[in-house]
Protein backbone atom coordinates (compact mmCIF):
# COMPACT_ATOMS: atom_id res chain seq x y z
CA MET A 1 0.00 0.00 0.00
CA ARG A 2 1.28 3.45 -0.88
CA ALA A 3 1.14 6.34 1.54
CA THR A 4 -1.24 8.10 -0.88
CA GLU A 5 -3.66 5.17 -0.56
CA ILE A 6 -4.06 5.39 3.22
CA ASP A 7 -7.61 6.33 4.15
CA ASP A 8 -8.48 9.22 6.48
CA PHE A 9 -9.70 6.88 9.22
CA THR A 10 -6.30 5.17 9.42
CA ILE A 11 -4.45 8.48 9.36
CA ASN A 12 -6.57 9.86 12.19
CA LYS A 13 -6.19 6.68 14.25
CA THR A 14 -2.44 7.11 13.88
CA HIS A 15 -2.78 10.71 15.09
CA CYS A 16 -4.51 9.38 18.22
CA ASP A 17 -1.86 6.70 18.79
CA TRP A 18 0.91 9.29 18.47
CA ILE A 19 -0.83 11.72 20.84
CA ILE A 20 -1.23 8.99 23.46
CA LYS A 21 2.44 8.00 23.16
CA GLN A 22 3.61 11.61 23.52
CA ALA A 23 1.31 12.19 26.49
CA GLN A 24 2.76 9.10 28.19
CA GLU A 25 6.28 10.41 27.61
CA LEU A 26 5.35 13.81 29.03
CA LYS A 27 3.78 12.13 32.05
CA ALA A 28 6.99 10.15 32.59
CA LEU A 29 9.03 13.35 32.34
CA LEU A 30 6.86 15.02 34.98
CA SER A 31 7.02 11.94 37.22
CA TYR A 32 10.70 12.65 37.86
CA LYS A 33 9.54 15.62 40.00
CA SER A 34 12.71 17.34 38.96
CA GLU A 35 12.75 20.90 37.66
CA SER A 36 16.18 20.35 36.14
CA MET A 37 14.93 17.29 34.21
CA ILE A 38 11.99 19.31 32.89
CA HIS A 39 14.28 22.25 32.10
CA ASN A 40 16.66 19.97 30.17
CA ASN A 41 13.77 18.58 28.12
CA ARG A 42 11.79 21.83 27.91
CA ILE A 43 12.13 22.49 24.18
CA ARG A 44 11.25 18.92 23.27
CA ALA A 45 8.26 18.89 25.64
CA LEU A 46 6.94 22.22 24.35
CA THR A 47 7.38 21.10 20.75
CA ASP A 48 5.55 17.84 21.46
CA ILE A 49 2.71 19.75 23.14
CA GLN A 50 2.40 22.09 20.14
CA THR A 51 2.35 19.12 17.76
CA MET A 52 -0.30 17.41 19.91
CA GLU A 53 -2.40 20.58 19.76
CA ASP A 54 -2.05 20.62 15.97
CA SER A 55 -2.99 16.93 15.73
CA LEU A 56 -6.01 17.42 17.98
CA SER A 57 -7.13 20.34 15.82
CA GLU A 58 -6.88 18.16 12.71
CA LEU A 59 -8.85 15.39 14.44
CA LYS A 60 -11.49 17.90 15.51
CA LEU A 61 -11.87 19.20 11.96
CA TYR A 62 -12.11 15.65 10.61
CA ILE A 63 -14.83 14.70 13.12
CA GLU A 64 -16.74 17.93 12.59
CA GLN A 65 -16.89 17.42 8.82
CA LEU A 66 -18.27 13.86 9.09
CA LYS A 67 -21.88 13.65 8.05
């Protein structure tokens, strides 16, 4: 199967899987209860959060346009 043949449902399920994985990684980061650990991973965490927001927006638009 080519990437261009992947249906929207599969793409959006993958968005959800990725969001869950990133959220688990962020939760693990925060579980260290260490400001220095968060500071050292700050850029990555903020970038992941922004990407999750973008993915959630895409999922929202997809669900809203379903009839």
